[in-house]
Amino acid sequence: MKTIIWEDNKLLLLDQRKLPDEVTYFECKNHKDVVYAIKNMVVRGAPAIGVAAAFGVALAQINGEDINKAAKEIKNTRPTAINLFWAVDRVVNSDSPIDEALKIYKEDVETNKKIGKHGSKLIEDGDVILTHCNAGALACVDYGTALGVIRAAKEEGKNIEVICTETRPLGQGARLSTWEMQQEGINVKLIVDSAAGYLMQKKYIDKVIIGADRVAKGGVINKIGSLMIALSANRYNVPFYVAAPTSTFDEESNVNEIEIEERNPKEVLYYGKCRIAPKNVDVINPAFDIVPSDLITKIITEKGLVDPL
């Protein structure tokens, strides 16, 4: 099942707000629909956001709009994941925005399968692997980065178990990662975010594999909670891997200088439609945190294993 479909000059995005209960596609007829979809988490995951953004620029051209103005609007949707800016700039600077967007779309799947092939060499038969948030097919066009490594290991016949954190506040691990693993017939268990350290302390986890929204000098930016998992992994000598395409690398910036997106307080105050906190309580809701380079064992890319920047 593809996260992103391009047909008849329209962009269809698997609406991830409704998973796992409902599988529906959100139709984007113009770049403003894409802006809405990225802002409101219809589409999420750095690679998927990048591809959607590329098609947003293509839609602007098809509709006879100023692509530079459209590109600026798309770039303003979310500040942290670099794939968004990389993809938009690549399409804007191309001779044919539509052709370039399609090229990025096709490259995504090829890149992820290469990441999976390199990463699967790190996985042994019988491993228990912890992952945080969703870095699977739903975060890309298809296949996935961190979950792509797990898929590749499964395809090679390795018997593995996956532990997914729920990933508060929006539950991408609970709603999306567990669903993906079930679709693949992979043994999966769900835990609350705060149980990760305990499982490593009890030597239940063999390896950690997460995705990334940006790889920069000094570390990796990923979903909030990644740092606590990395610290626990370091304390209990569990290898901590990051799976990310080279399009997620930002070699010009220091990780501590990058804007960390602060999201709507309602994401924390409510669980679904149920309010879980008292009225008038203040909320801090960063979407991401920073994992320093010295806590990362290796980064798995389409070109092989590399050291953090």
Protein backbone atom coordinates (compact mmCIF):
# COMPACT_ATOMS: atom_id res chain seq x y z
CA MET A 1 0.00 0.00 0.00
CA LYS A 2 1.54 3.27 -1.15
CA THR A 3 1.49 6.35 1.05
CA ILE A 4 1.58 8.67 -1.98
CA ILE A 5 -0.08 8.22 -5.37
CA TRP A 6 0.22 10.54 -8.37
CA GLU A 7 -2.41 10.08 -11.07
CA ASP A 8 -4.27 12.32 -13.53
CA ASN A 9 -2.32 15.35 -12.29
CA LYS A 10 -3.69 14.86 -8.78
CA LEU A 11 -1.88 13.88 -5.61
CA LEU A 12 -3.46 11.27 -3.34
CA LEU A 13 -2.12 11.01 0.20
CA LEU A 14 -2.97 8.16 2.54
CA ASP A 15 -4.69 10.00 5.39
CA GLN A 16 -2.63 8.92 8.39
CA ARG A 17 -4.87 10.73 10.85
CA LYS A 18 -7.47 7.98 10.32
CA LEU A 19 -5.24 4.92 10.52
CA PRO A 20 -5.48 2.14 11.57
CA ASP A 21 -9.28 2.26 11.69
CA GLU A 22 -9.89 3.69 8.23
CA VAL A 23 -7.87 3.55 5.00
CA THR A 24 -8.73 6.61 2.92
CA TYR A 25 -6.84 8.96 0.62
CA PHE A 26 -6.78 12.74 0.84
CA GLU A 27 -6.92 14.35 -2.61
CA CYS A 28 -4.71 17.33 -3.38
CA LYS A 29 -5.72 19.33 -6.45
CA ASN A 30 -3.44 22.30 -5.78
CA HIS A 31 -0.45 23.29 -3.68
CA LYS A 32 -2.66 24.72 -0.91
CA ASP A 33 -4.15 21.26 -0.40
CA VAL A 34 -0.59 19.98 0.03
CA VAL A 35 0.16 22.77 2.52
CA TYR A 36 -2.89 21.74 4.55
CA ALA A 37 -1.95 18.05 4.37
CA ILE A 38 1.60 18.64 5.65
CA LYS A 39 0.56 21.06 8.41
CA ASN A 40 -2.22 18.83 9.67
CA MET A 41 -0.34 15.51 9.61
CA VAL A 42 -2.34 13.94 6.78
CA VAL A 43 1.13 13.05 5.55
CA ARG A 44 4.09 12.77 7.94
CA GLY A 45 7.59 11.36 8.06
CA ALA A 46 10.50 13.29 6.57
CA PRO A 47 10.79 11.39 3.23
CA ALA A 48 7.02 11.39 2.63
CA ILE A 49 6.78 15.10 3.45
CA GLY A 50 9.56 15.76 0.95
CA VAL A 51 7.84 13.86 -1.85
CA ALA A 52 4.47 15.48 -1.10
CA ALA A 53 6.13 18.91 -1.12
CA ALA A 54 7.74 18.15 -4.51
CA PHE A 55 4.34 17.34 -5.99
CA GLY A 56 2.94 20.48 -4.37
CA VAL A 57 5.29 22.57 -6.51
CA ALA A 58 4.35 20.49 -9.56
CA LEU A 59 0.65 21.16 -8.88
CA ALA A 60 1.37 24.87 -8.71
CA GLN A 61 2.92 24.72 -12.19
CA ILE A 62 0.02 22.68 -13.57
CA ASN A 63 -2.45 25.25 -12.19
CA GLY A 64 -0.51 28.15 -13.70
CA GLU A 65 0.59 29.57 -10.36
CA ASP A 66 3.87 31.22 -9.38
CA ILE A 67 5.93 28.19 -8.36
CA ASN A 68 8.38 30.29 -6.33
CA LYS A 69 5.53 31.71 -4.26
CA ALA A 70 4.02 28.25 -3.87
CA ALA A 71 7.42 26.85 -2.87
CA LYS A 72 7.73 29.45 -0.11
CA GLU A 73 4.28 28.55 1.26
CA ILE A 74 5.14 24.85 1.23
CA LYS A 75 8.47 25.45 2.97
CA ASN A 76 6.68 27.33 5.76
CA THR A 77 4.57 24.30 6.73
CA ARG A 78 7.03 22.54 9.05
CA PRO A 79 10.50 23.80 10.03
CA THR A 80 12.56 20.79 11.13
CA ALA A 81 12.63 17.99 8.52
CA ILE A 82 15.18 18.91 5.87
CA ASN A 83 13.71 16.63 3.16
CA LEU A 84 10.95 19.21 2.73
CA PHE A 85 13.38 21.98 1.76
CA TRP A 86 15.63 19.65 -0.25
CA ALA A 87 12.74 18.37 -2.39
CA VAL A 88 11.17 21.80 -2.97
CA ASP A 89 14.48 23.35 -4.06
CA ARG A 90 15.23 20.42 -6.33
CA VAL A 91 11.88 20.74 -8.13
CA VAL A 92 11.96 24.54 -8.37
CA ASN A 93 15.47 24.45 -9.87
CA SER A 94 14.62 21.75 -12.43
CA ASP A 95 13.62 22.17 -16.07
CA SER A 96 10.39 20.21 -15.49
CA PRO A 97 8.83 20.29 -12.00
CA ILE A 98 6.50 17.39 -12.76
CA ASP A 99 9.25 15.16 -14.10
CA GLU A 100 11.52 16.03 -11.18
CA ALA A 101 8.80 15.30 -8.63
CA LEU A 102 8.18 11.93 -10.26
CA LYS A 103 11.91 11.23 -10.18
CA ILE A 104 12.06 11.99 -6.43
CA TYR A 105 9.01 9.74 -5.95
CA LYS A 106 10.67 6.78 -7.69
CA GLU A 107 14.02 7.35 -6.01
CA ASP A 108 12.43 7.16 -2.57
CA VAL A 109 11.46 3.50 -2.91
CA GLU A 110 14.81 2.53 -4.45
CA THR A 111 16.69 4.38 -1.71
CA ASN A 112 14.71 2.73 1.07
CA LYS A 113 15.31 -0.76 -0.30
CA LYS A 114 19.05 -0.06 -0.37
CA ILE A 115 18.89 1.16 3.24
CA GLY A 116 17.06 -2.05 4.11
CA LYS A 117 19.69 -4.20 2.41
CA HIS A 118 22.58 -2.52 4.23
CA GLY A 119 20.79 -2.44 7.56
CA SER A 120 19.61 -6.06 7.49
CA LYS A 121 23.24 -7.18 7.76
CA LEU A 122 23.23 -5.80 11.31
CA ILE A 123 20.27 -7.95 12.36
CA GLU A 124 20.75 -11.48 13.61
CA ASP A 125 18.19 -14.26 13.69
CA GLY A 126 16.24 -14.01 16.94
CA ASP A 127 16.90 -10.29 17.54
CA VAL A 128 14.44 -8.13 19.44
CA ILE A 129 14.47 -4.64 17.91
CA LEU A 130 13.03 -1.51 19.46
CA THR A 131 11.84 1.32 17.22
CA HIS A 132 10.37 4.71 18.09
CA CYS A 133 7.68 6.62 16.18
CA ASN A 134 7.05 5.47 12.58
CA ALA A 135 9.85 5.27 10.05
CA GLY A 136 8.14 2.74 7.81
CA ALA A 137 6.34 2.76 4.48
CA LEU A 138 3.88 5.28 5.90
CA ALA A 139 6.70 7.77 6.46
CA CYS A 140 7.90 7.37 2.87
CA VAL A 141 6.41 6.52 -0.51
CA ASP A 142 6.83 2.83 0.32
CA TYR A 143 9.02 0.30 2.19
CA GLY A 144 10.44 2.65 4.85
CA THR A 145 13.78 3.45 6.48
CA ALA A 146 13.99 2.00 10.02
CA LEU A 147 11.10 -0.38 9.38
CA GLY A 148 12.55 -0.97 5.92
CA VAL A 149 15.58 -2.51 7.62
CA ILE A 150 13.24 -4.76 9.59
CA ARG A 151 11.30 -5.66 6.41
CA ALA A 152 14.52 -6.60 4.66
CA ALA A 153 15.58 -8.84 7.56
CA LYS A 154 12.18 -10.56 7.45
CA GLU A 155 12.49 -11.06 3.68
CA GLU A 156 15.83 -12.77 4.31
CA GLY A 157 14.06 -15.27 6.56
CA LYS A 158 15.30 -13.94 9.89
CA ASN A 159 13.05 -14.53 12.88
CA ILE A 160 12.75 -11.19 14.67
CA GLU A 161 10.53 -9.41 17.17
CA VAL A 162 9.77 -5.70 17.05
CA ILE A 163 8.98 -3.52 20.05
CA CYS A 164 7.12 -0.31 19.15
CA THR A 165 6.81 2.61 21.52
CA GLU A 166 3.37 4.22 21.48
CA THR A 167 5.01 7.61 20.62
CA ARG A 168 2.96 10.18 22.45
CA PRO A 169 1.28 12.52 21.90
CA LEU A 170 -0.07 11.42 18.49
CA GLY A 171 0.66 7.72 18.82
CA GLN A 172 2.48 7.08 15.55
CA GLY A 173 4.06 3.95 16.98
CA ALA A 174 0.79 2.60 18.38
CA ARG A 175 -1.36 3.51 15.38
CA LEU A 176 1.03 3.17 12.47
CA SER A 177 4.14 1.09 13.20
CA THR A 178 2.27 -1.77 14.85
CA TRP A 179 -0.22 -1.77 11.98
CA GLU A 180 2.58 -1.95 9.41
CA MET A 181 4.28 -4.81 11.22
CA GLN A 182 1.01 -6.73 11.43
CA GLN A 183 0.51 -6.28 7.69
CA GLU A 184 3.95 -7.84 7.16
CA GLY A 185 3.32 -10.73 9.55
CA ILE A 186 6.15 -9.59 11.84
CA ASN A 187 5.92 -10.36 15.55
CA VAL A 188 5.28 -6.99 17.20
CA LYS A 189 4.60 -5.77 20.73
CA LEU A 190 3.52 -2.30 21.87
CA ILE A 191 4.88 -0.49 24.94
CA VAL A 192 4.36 2.90 26.54
CA ASP A 193 7.23 5.29 25.78
CA SER A 194 8.53 5.23 29.34
CA ALA A 195 8.99 1.42 29.33
CA ALA A 196 11.89 1.45 26.85
CA GLY A 197 14.59 1.94 29.49
CA TYR A 198 13.20 -0.81 31.68
CA LEU A 199 13.25 -3.33 28.82
CA MET A 200 16.88 -2.47 28.06
CA GLN A 201 17.79 -2.73 31.72
CA LYS A 202 16.28 -6.22 31.72
CA LYS A 203 18.29 -7.10 28.57
CA TYR A 204 15.14 -7.70 26.54
CA ILE A 205 16.22 -5.43 23.65
CA ASP A 206 19.07 -6.40 21.30
CA LYS A 207 19.12 -3.32 19.08
CA VAL A 208 17.43 0.04 18.58
CA ILE A 209 16.68 1.33 15.08
CA ILE A 210 15.00 4.70 14.55
CA GLY A 211 14.55 7.06 11.62
CA ALA A 212 15.56 10.72 11.40
CA ASP A 213 14.07 14.04 10.41
CA ARG A 214 17.49 15.65 10.04
CA VAL A 215 21.07 14.49 10.37
CA ALA A 216 23.39 17.42 11.08
CA LYS A 217 26.74 18.22 12.66
CA GLY A 218 26.70 16.92 16.19
CA GLY A 219 23.77 14.56 16.03
CA VAL A 220 20.37 13.56 14.73
CA ILE A 221 16.94 15.15 15.15
CA ASN A 222 14.08 12.69 15.48
CA LYS A 223 10.69 12.33 17.16
CA ILE A 224 10.52 13.54 20.75
CA GLY A 225 11.54 10.72 23.08
CA SER A 226 14.43 9.54 20.90
CA LEU A 227 16.99 11.09 23.26
CA MET A 228 15.72 9.19 26.31
CA ILE A 229 15.87 5.93 24.36
CA ALA A 230 19.40 6.70 23.17
CA LEU A 231 20.55 7.46 26.72
CA SER A 232 19.10 4.18 27.97
CA ALA A 233 20.69 2.28 25.10
CA ASN A 234 24.06 3.84 25.91
CA ARG A 235 23.73 2.98 29.60
CA TYR A 236 22.87 -0.66 28.93
CA ASN A 237 25.19 -1.21 25.91
CA VAL A 238 22.42 -1.67 23.34
CA PRO A 239 23.50 -0.69 19.78
CA PHE A 240 21.59 2.42 18.66
CA TYR A 241 21.18 2.79 14.89
CA VAL A 242 19.63 5.53 12.79
CA ALA A 243 18.26 4.67 9.33
CA ALA A 244 18.07 7.68 7.01
CA PRO A 245 18.60 8.54 3.33
CA THR A 246 21.35 10.99 2.43
CA SER A 247 18.61 13.51 1.53
CA THR A 248 18.05 13.83 5.29
CA PHE A 249 21.66 14.96 5.85
CA ASP A 250 22.37 18.64 6.50
CA GLU A 251 26.14 18.90 6.53
CA GLU A 252 26.11 22.70 6.73
CA SER A 253 24.22 23.09 10.01
CA ASN A 254 24.91 22.30 13.64
CA VAL A 255 22.17 20.19 15.15
CA ASN A 256 21.77 22.57 18.11
CA GLU A 257 21.04 25.54 15.82
CA ILE A 258 18.09 23.96 13.98
CA GLU A 259 14.57 25.07 14.84
CA ILE A 260 12.65 22.38 16.71
CA GLU A 261 8.97 22.48 15.83
CA GLU A 262 6.60 23.27 18.69
CA ARG A 263 3.16 21.81 18.02
CA ASN A 264 -0.40 22.53 19.17
CA PRO A 265 -0.94 22.07 22.95
CA LYS A 266 -4.18 20.22 22.21
CA GLU A 267 -2.11 17.22 21.10
CA VAL A 268 -1.01 16.81 24.72
CA LEU A 269 -4.21 17.94 26.44
CA TYR A 270 -6.36 15.43 24.58
CA TYR A 271 -6.11 11.75 23.73
CA GLY A 272 -8.31 11.54 20.67
CA LYS A 273 -11.40 13.51 21.67
CA CYS A 274 -10.96 12.87 25.40
CA ARG A 275 -9.37 15.62 27.50
CA ILE A 276 -6.82 14.11 29.89
CA ALA A 277 -5.54 17.24 31.68
CA PRO A 278 -7.14 19.99 33.77
CA LYS A 279 -8.21 23.23 32.15
CA ASN A 280 -5.77 26.14 31.97
CA VAL A 281 -2.66 23.98 32.39
CA ASP A 282 0.32 25.16 30.33
CA VAL A 283 1.85 22.78 27.80
CA ILE A 284 5.29 22.37 26.25
CA ASN A 285 4.98 20.25 23.10
CA PRO A 286 8.20 19.94 21.07
CA ALA A 287 7.77 17.56 18.14
CA PHE A 288 11.42 16.46 18.08
CA ASP A 289 14.54 16.16 20.19
CA ILE A 290 18.27 15.84 19.53
CA VAL A 291 20.33 12.66 19.82
CA PRO A 292 24.03 13.63 20.13
CA SER A 293 26.48 11.86 17.82
CA ASP A 294 28.28 10.05 20.65
CA LEU A 295 25.10 8.10 21.45
CA ILE A 296 24.72 6.80 17.87
CA THR A 297 26.40 3.54 16.86
CA LYS A 298 26.05 4.03 13.09
CA ILE A 299 23.76 5.67 10.55
CA ILE A 300 22.35 3.34 7.90
CA THR A 301 22.06 5.05 4.50
CA GLU A 302 21.47 3.90 0.93
CA LYS A 303 25.25 4.11 0.46
CA GLY A 304 26.06 1.94 3.46
CA LEU A 305 26.89 2.48 7.11
CA VAL A 306 28.38 5.83 8.06
CA ASP A 307 29.43 7.58 11.25
CA PRO A 308 27.30 10.48 12.54
CA LEU A 309 28.43 13.95 11.51
